[in-house]
Protein backbone atom coordinates (compact mmCIF):
# COMPACT_ATOMS: atom_id res chain seq x y z
CA MET A 1 123.08 77.42 78.00
CA LYS A 2 122.32 79.87 80.81
CA LYS A 3 118.66 79.88 81.83
CA GLN A 4 116.75 83.13 82.32
CA GLU A 5 114.71 83.81 85.43
CA ASN A 6 111.36 83.93 83.63
CA ASN A 7 111.02 80.94 81.38
CA VAL A 8 107.83 80.95 79.29
CA ALA A 9 106.09 77.93 77.87
CA ILE A 10 104.31 78.94 74.67
CA ILE A 11 101.40 76.56 74.07
CA ILE A 12 99.87 76.41 70.61
CA LEU A 13 96.82 74.25 69.94
CA ASN A 14 96.40 72.78 66.46
CA TRP A 15 93.29 71.13 65.03
CA ASN A 16 93.13 70.53 61.29
CA SER A 17 94.89 73.81 60.48
CA TRP A 18 98.60 73.11 60.07
CA LYS A 19 99.13 75.96 57.58
CA ASP A 20 98.08 78.49 60.20
CA THR A 21 100.15 76.74 62.82
CA VAL A 22 103.42 76.82 60.87
CA GLU A 23 102.96 80.53 60.08
CA CYS A 24 102.44 81.17 63.78
CA LEU A 25 105.48 79.08 64.66
CA GLU A 26 107.70 80.84 62.17
CA SER A 27 106.77 84.22 63.67
CA ILE A 28 107.59 82.93 67.17
CA TYR A 29 111.07 81.82 66.11
CA HIS A 30 111.77 85.48 65.23
CA ILE A 31 111.01 86.91 68.69
CA THR A 32 113.53 88.73 70.84
CA TYR A 33 112.66 87.08 74.19
CA PRO A 34 115.50 84.70 75.05
CA ASP A 35 113.97 81.98 77.23
CA PHE A 36 110.98 80.01 76.02
CA ASN A 37 109.78 76.54 75.11
CA VAL A 38 107.32 76.00 72.26
CA ILE A 39 104.77 73.26 72.91
CA VAL A 40 102.45 72.38 70.05
CA ILE A 41 99.42 70.30 70.99
CA ASP A 42 97.63 68.51 68.18
CA ASN A 43 93.99 67.94 69.13
CA ASN A 44 93.58 64.68 67.21
CA SER A 45 93.62 66.23 63.74
CA ASN A 46 92.61 64.18 60.73
CA ASP A 47 94.25 66.30 58.03
CA ASN A 48 97.82 65.01 58.40
CA SER A 49 98.68 68.05 60.52
CA VAL A 50 101.31 66.31 62.64
CA GLU A 51 103.30 65.18 59.60
CA LYS A 52 103.04 68.62 57.99
CA ILE A 53 104.26 70.37 61.16
CA LYS A 54 107.18 67.93 61.32
CA GLU A 55 108.01 68.71 57.67
CA TYR A 56 108.06 72.40 58.50
CA CYS A 57 110.42 71.70 61.42
CA LYS A 58 112.75 69.84 59.08
CA GLY A 59 112.84 72.82 56.71
CA LYS A 60 110.83 71.10 53.99
CA ILE A 61 107.94 73.61 54.03
CA GLU A 62 108.70 77.26 53.39
CA VAL A 63 106.34 79.72 55.06
CA ASN A 64 105.26 82.77 53.09
CA SER A 65 103.79 85.66 55.09
CA ASN A 66 103.28 89.40 54.85
CA PHE A 67 104.51 89.75 58.43
CA PHE A 68 108.05 88.34 58.22
CA HIS A 69 110.67 86.79 55.94
CA TYR A 70 111.11 83.05 56.18
CA ASP A 71 114.32 82.20 58.07
CA THR A 72 116.19 79.09 56.98
CA SER A 73 118.85 79.47 59.68
CA SER A 74 116.58 78.09 62.43
CA LYS A 75 115.90 74.88 60.49
CA PRO A 76 115.89 72.08 61.17
CA LEU A 77 114.17 72.27 64.52
CA LYS A 78 114.80 69.40 66.88
CA ILE A 79 111.48 67.64 67.49
CA PHE A 80 110.61 66.12 70.87
CA GLU A 81 107.44 64.17 70.16
CA TYR A 82 105.05 62.63 72.69
CA ASN A 83 101.53 61.36 73.17
CA GLU A 84 99.35 63.19 75.67
CA ASN A 85 100.39 61.21 78.78
CA GLU A 86 104.05 60.43 78.10
CA PHE A 87 105.37 62.57 80.93
CA GLU A 88 107.94 60.02 82.07
CA THR A 89 109.43 59.83 78.56
CA ALA A 90 109.61 63.62 78.45
CA GLN A 91 111.32 63.61 81.84
CA LYS A 92 114.07 61.41 80.41
CA ASP A 93 114.56 63.96 77.59
CA LYS A 94 114.56 66.95 79.93
CA LYS A 95 118.31 67.56 79.93
CA GLU A 96 118.51 67.42 76.13
CA ILE A 97 115.49 69.72 75.83
CA PHE A 98 117.02 72.37 78.04
CA ASN A 99 120.40 72.11 76.34
CA THR A 100 118.79 72.81 72.96
CA PRO A 101 118.40 76.55 72.21
CA PRO A 102 114.81 77.87 72.24
CA ASN A 103 114.81 78.75 68.54
CA LYS A 104 116.10 75.29 67.56
CA LYS A 105 113.51 73.00 69.17
CA ILE A 106 109.83 72.21 69.45
CA ILE A 107 107.82 69.94 71.76
CA LEU A 108 105.04 68.20 69.79
CA VAL A 109 102.30 66.44 71.75
CA LYS A 110 99.45 64.43 70.23
CA ASN A 111 96.11 64.23 72.04
CA ASN A 112 94.11 61.02 71.62
CA GLU A 113 90.86 62.94 71.26
CA ASN A 114 89.66 66.42 70.37
CA TYR A 115 89.33 67.95 73.84
CA GLY A 116 88.36 71.38 72.53
CA PHE A 117 90.21 74.61 73.28
CA ALA A 118 90.15 74.19 77.05
CA GLY A 119 91.05 70.52 77.29
CA GLY A 120 93.58 70.71 74.48
CA ASN A 121 95.46 73.58 76.08
CA ASN A 122 95.30 71.78 79.44
CA THR A 123 97.52 69.07 77.98
CA GLY A 124 100.10 71.71 77.12
CA ILE A 125 99.81 73.29 80.59
CA LYS A 126 100.47 69.90 82.18
CA TYR A 127 103.65 69.43 80.18
CA ALA A 128 104.79 72.98 80.85
CA THR A 129 104.32 72.76 84.60
CA SER A 130 105.33 69.18 85.36
CA ILE A 131 108.20 68.80 82.91
CA PHE A 132 109.61 72.21 82.08
CA LYS A 133 108.90 74.13 85.34
CA SER A 134 108.07 77.31 83.44
CA ASN A 135 107.48 80.51 85.38
CA TYR A 136 104.87 81.62 82.85
CA ILE A 137 102.36 79.85 80.60
CA LEU A 138 101.33 81.51 77.37
CA LEU A 139 98.28 80.27 75.47
CA LEU A 140 98.56 81.45 71.89
CA ASN A 141 96.07 80.74 69.13
CA ASN A 142 97.58 78.95 66.15
CA ASP A 143 95.88 81.41 63.78
CA THR A 144 97.97 84.33 65.03
CA VAL A 145 101.19 86.00 63.97
CA VAL A 146 103.27 87.76 66.62
CA ASP A 147 105.45 90.84 66.74
CA ARG A 148 109.12 90.26 67.53
CA ASN A 149 108.81 92.02 70.92
CA PHE A 150 105.39 90.72 71.95
CA LEU A 151 106.56 88.25 74.61
CA GLU A 152 109.10 90.60 76.13
CA GLU A 153 106.36 93.19 76.63
CA LEU A 154 103.95 90.66 78.14
CA VAL A 155 106.45 89.47 80.71
CA LYS A 156 107.49 93.05 81.50
CA ALA A 157 103.89 93.95 82.27
CA ALA A 158 103.39 90.81 84.39
CA GLU A 159 106.48 91.57 86.44
CA ASN A 160 105.24 95.10 87.22
CA ASP A 161 102.89 93.93 89.99
CA GLU A 162 102.83 90.68 91.96
CA LYS A 163 99.03 90.77 91.88
CA ILE A 164 98.93 90.62 88.07
CA GLY A 165 97.95 87.07 87.14
CA PHE A 166 97.00 87.35 83.47
CA VAL A 167 98.31 89.59 80.70
CA GLY A 168 97.03 90.11 77.17
CA ALA A 169 98.33 91.73 73.98
CA LYS A 170 96.98 94.32 71.58
CA THR A 171 95.38 92.08 69.01
CA TYR A 172 94.75 93.23 65.45
CA PHE A 173 92.81 91.54 62.66
CA TYR A 174 95.13 89.58 60.44
CA ASP A 175 93.71 91.00 57.22
CA LYS A 176 93.31 94.54 58.64
CA LYS A 177 96.68 95.23 60.16
CA GLU A 178 95.72 98.51 61.85
CA VAL A 179 92.25 97.53 63.07
CA ILE A 180 91.99 96.24 66.64
CA GLN A 181 90.16 93.04 67.45
CA ALA A 182 90.83 93.29 71.20
CA ALA A 183 92.91 95.56 73.39
CA GLY A 184 94.03 92.66 75.58
CA GLY A 185 90.58 91.38 76.45
CA GLY A 186 87.46 93.06 77.68
CA LYS A 187 84.81 93.87 80.23
CA ILE A 188 81.80 91.81 81.23
CA ASP A 189 78.34 92.90 82.36
CA LEU A 190 77.59 90.36 85.08
CA LYS A 191 73.90 91.28 85.21
CA LYS A 192 73.40 90.34 81.56
CA VAL A 193 76.45 88.06 81.23
CA ILE A 194 77.72 89.86 78.17
CA ALA A 195 81.44 89.92 77.39
CA VAL A 196 82.59 92.87 75.27
CA GLU A 197 86.09 93.05 73.80
CA THR A 198 87.78 96.36 74.42
CA GLY A 199 88.66 98.26 71.22
CA LEU A 200 86.77 95.89 68.88
CA ASN A 201 86.87 97.15 65.26
CA GLN A 202 88.63 100.36 66.23
CA ILE A 203 91.41 101.76 64.06
CA ASP A 204 94.58 101.98 66.14
CA ASP A 205 94.92 105.75 66.60
CA GLY A 206 96.66 105.61 69.97
CA LYS A 207 93.51 105.57 72.07
CA TYR A 208 94.45 102.19 73.52
CA ASP A 209 98.14 102.94 74.10
CA GLN A 210 98.18 102.50 77.83
CA ASN A 211 98.23 99.47 80.08
CA CYS A 212 95.03 98.93 82.06
CA GLU A 213 93.18 96.37 84.12
CA LEU A 214 90.39 94.39 82.46
CA ASP A 215 87.80 91.86 83.56
CA TYR A 216 89.32 89.13 81.38
CA ILE A 217 92.07 88.45 78.83
CA THR A 218 91.02 86.94 75.53
CA GLY A 219 92.22 83.36 74.98
CA SER A 220 93.90 84.10 71.64
CA CYS A 221 96.90 85.36 73.65
CA ILE A 222 96.88 85.00 77.40
CA LEU A 223 99.97 84.96 79.62
CA CYS A 224 99.45 83.35 83.03
CA LYS A 225 101.80 83.24 86.01
CA LYS A 226 102.65 79.79 87.31
CA GLU A 227 101.68 80.78 90.86
CA VAL A 228 98.14 81.50 89.62
CA LEU A 229 97.93 77.95 88.28
CA ASP A 230 99.05 76.67 91.64
CA LYS A 231 96.11 78.45 93.28
CA ILE A 232 93.22 78.11 90.78
CA GLY A 233 94.36 75.30 88.50
CA ILE A 234 93.96 74.77 84.78
CA LEU A 235 91.13 75.68 82.40
CA ASN A 236 87.69 74.23 83.05
CA ALA A 237 87.44 71.61 80.29
CA ASN A 238 83.63 71.55 80.64
CA TYR A 239 83.49 74.67 78.46
CA PHE A 240 85.16 72.82 75.56
CA MET A 241 85.52 76.15 73.72
CA TYR A 242 84.35 79.76 74.27
CA TRP A 243 84.05 81.48 77.68
CA GLU A 244 86.78 79.31 79.26
CA ASP A 245 89.20 82.29 79.13
CA VAL A 246 86.69 84.55 80.88
CA ASP A 247 86.04 81.86 83.51
CA TRP A 248 89.81 81.39 84.09
CA CYS A 249 90.33 85.09 84.70
CA PHE A 250 87.31 85.34 86.99
CA ARG A 251 88.58 82.42 89.06
CA GLY A 252 91.88 84.25 89.27
CA ARG A 253 90.14 87.43 90.37
CA ARG A 254 88.43 85.56 93.23
CA SER A 255 91.94 84.58 94.39
CA GLY A 256 93.14 88.20 94.22
CA TYR A 257 94.79 88.32 90.78
CA LYS A 258 94.38 91.04 88.16
CA SER A 259 94.00 90.73 84.40
CA VAL A 260 96.03 93.41 82.59
CA TYR A 261 96.39 94.64 79.01
CA ALA A 262 99.96 95.30 77.76
CA PHE A 263 99.57 97.69 74.84
CA LYS A 264 103.16 97.38 73.55
CA SER A 265 102.68 93.66 72.94
CA LYS A 266 101.20 93.14 69.46
CA ILE A 267 99.78 90.16 67.55
CA TRP A 268 97.56 89.66 64.49
CA HIS A 269 94.65 87.22 64.58
CA LYS A 270 92.78 85.46 61.79
CA VAL A 271 89.78 85.02 64.10
CA SER A 272 87.83 81.76 64.56
CA VAL A 273 89.66 79.71 61.98
CA SER A 274 89.21 76.48 63.99
CA SER A 275 85.44 76.64 64.57
CA THR A 276 82.38 76.81 62.37
CA ASN A 277 79.42 79.12 62.87
CA TYR A 278 77.35 76.09 64.02
CA LEU A 279 79.77 75.22 66.79
CA LYS A 280 80.26 78.85 67.80
CA ILE A 281 76.51 79.48 68.16
CA TYR A 282 76.03 76.27 70.17
CA TYR A 283 78.93 76.73 72.60
CA CYS A 284 78.56 80.49 73.08
CA THR A 285 74.90 80.01 73.97
CA ARG A 286 75.44 77.03 76.25
CA ASN A 287 78.57 78.36 77.96
CA ARG A 288 77.06 81.77 78.65
CA ILE A 289 74.51 80.05 80.91
CA TYR A 290 77.19 77.78 82.37
CA PHE A 291 79.44 80.76 83.17
CA MET A 292 76.57 82.43 84.95
CA GLU A 293 75.99 79.35 87.07
CA GLN A 294 79.71 79.09 87.95
CA ASN A 295 80.53 82.73 88.63
CA ILE A 296 77.47 84.76 89.66
CA ASN A 297 75.84 84.94 93.05
CA ASN A 298 72.97 82.47 93.16
CA SER A 299 70.47 85.20 94.13
CA ASN A 300 70.91 86.77 90.68
CA ASN A 301 70.55 83.57 88.65
CA PHE A 302 66.76 83.78 88.24
CA LYS A 303 67.01 87.43 87.20
CA PHE A 304 69.58 86.59 84.56
CA LEU A 305 67.65 83.59 83.21
CA SER A 306 64.47 85.66 82.98
CA TYR A 307 66.28 88.49 81.20
CA PHE A 308 68.06 86.06 78.88
CA PHE A 309 64.87 84.19 77.94
CA ILE A 310 62.68 87.26 77.31
CA TYR A 311 65.10 89.74 75.75
CA ILE A 312 67.70 87.52 74.05
CA PHE A 313 66.54 83.96 73.52
CA LEU A 314 63.01 84.59 72.21
CA PRO A 315 63.94 87.46 69.83
CA GLN A 316 66.86 85.43 68.45
CA ILE A 317 64.71 82.32 67.94
CA ILE A 318 62.04 84.40 66.16
CA SER A 319 64.74 85.97 63.96
CA TYR A 320 66.09 82.56 62.92
CA LEU A 321 62.56 81.35 62.11
CA LEU A 322 61.66 84.44 60.08
CA ASN A 323 64.87 84.06 58.07
CA GLN A 324 64.28 80.32 57.73
CA ASP A 325 67.75 79.74 59.15
CA LEU A 326 67.02 76.42 60.81
CA ARG A 327 70.15 74.32 60.40
CA GLY A 328 72.84 77.02 60.74
CA GLY A 329 71.14 79.19 63.35
CA PHE A 330 67.98 77.92 65.00
CA ASN A 331 69.16 74.35 65.67
CA PRO A 332 72.52 75.09 67.36
CA TYR A 333 71.05 78.03 69.29
CA LEU A 334 68.16 75.97 70.67
CA LYS A 335 70.46 73.01 71.46
CA GLY A 336 72.91 75.32 73.19
CA PHE A 337 70.15 76.88 75.30
CA ILE A 338 68.74 73.49 76.34
CA SER A 339 72.22 72.14 77.10
CA GLY A 340 72.97 75.24 79.20
CA LEU A 341 69.82 74.70 81.21
CA LYS A 342 70.78 71.06 81.79
CA LEU A 343 74.11 72.24 83.14
CA TYR A 344 72.33 74.80 85.30
CA SER A 345 70.09 72.15 86.83
CA SER A 346 72.80 69.52 87.30
CA GLN A 347 75.81 71.57 88.38
CA THR A 348 76.58 73.42 91.58
CA ARG A 349 79.04 76.24 91.69
CA THR A 350 82.52 75.30 92.81
CA ASP A 351 85.42 77.47 93.95
CA GLU A 352 87.73 74.48 93.96
CA LYS A 353 90.59 74.59 91.48
CA TYR A 354 90.73 72.35 88.43
CA ASN A 355 93.77 70.26 89.22
CA LEU A 356 96.48 69.32 86.76
CA GLN A 357 95.23 65.73 86.87
CA ASP A 358 91.76 66.78 85.62
CA ASN A 359 90.91 67.22 81.97
CA LYS A 360 87.82 65.22 81.18
CA ILE A 361 84.30 66.48 80.60
CA ASP A 362 82.31 65.15 83.51
CA TYR A 363 78.75 66.32 83.05
CA ASN A 364 75.76 64.72 81.34
CA SER A 365 74.82 67.03 78.52
CA ASP A 366 74.62 67.30 74.74
CA GLN A 367 78.28 67.67 73.86
CA ILE A 368 78.99 68.53 70.22
CA LYS A 369 82.61 67.96 69.15
CA ASN A 370 82.22 67.54 65.41
CA LEU A 371 80.32 69.20 62.65
CA GLU A 372 76.65 68.36 62.27
């Protein structure tokens, strides 16, 4: 089989949501782009996800969707299954993997722990770069469905400028097919450390039908050039989930790479299927402070913390108390704020890249991985 110049490793992270994953997979096996490898990372699920995904690959689970017709011709898919560190075993299978057509195979990797969005995807990035030598890495949420031409348009946009490091798609809400969740990604106010998704909740009337540069690409669909990885490394696993995509793009920007929106690439997103409100409040609060510490000039840190405490933290805490929302709102928000301050006091900013050998959380803080 002749290899194309721009091989793409599509990394899909699963955690206790195999039904979403197989719908995402089925949509991928309909795409027009000719040269890709699908790598599914299971983040130590406890709902029998791995077995269900394997059943889908064998053609035993039919996928019903409003976005495509189930295709029996691609089944069964050849499964190459590994644990998180079985790189040598995968190396032995390399020839067979590359001789199997893209739409007839899947690489399935099982993590020993739940490493969150950042750490889980890092496992996939390691396989993609060390085993499959992909030119591009695509992180794609498992709760998405893709258009047939989405990957072709992403790569086309990336190839347009050597300084483009990250590319994102026009992302719609899954249950509102013409309403935009994000036009690629968004902008960030560094004074207030607020990330705002471009086009959020806007009906697609053509306003966002032009490629443009953004501050960051949202992690639900982010294409990254391999050369960017060589310079800045993988995701910062300390985030666990939320803000790691913004951090990745900002590290790329410090190395001279742009983040660009490709409007002709389209996907549909179910939005936050894999996290609860408790976890989202905790990590968004904590990681906002951590991002500030990692990416903003130290002279502005006190200004941000003062603004955050007076205008955001206190009003939000008062609101939770008035509404008697202690367990679902007050508790995770307060814990996230305290944990963020611990990170602020214990960490120093680093411009060093996060190497492919790194993936562990290495700070002393209140880390919440499971539901309270």
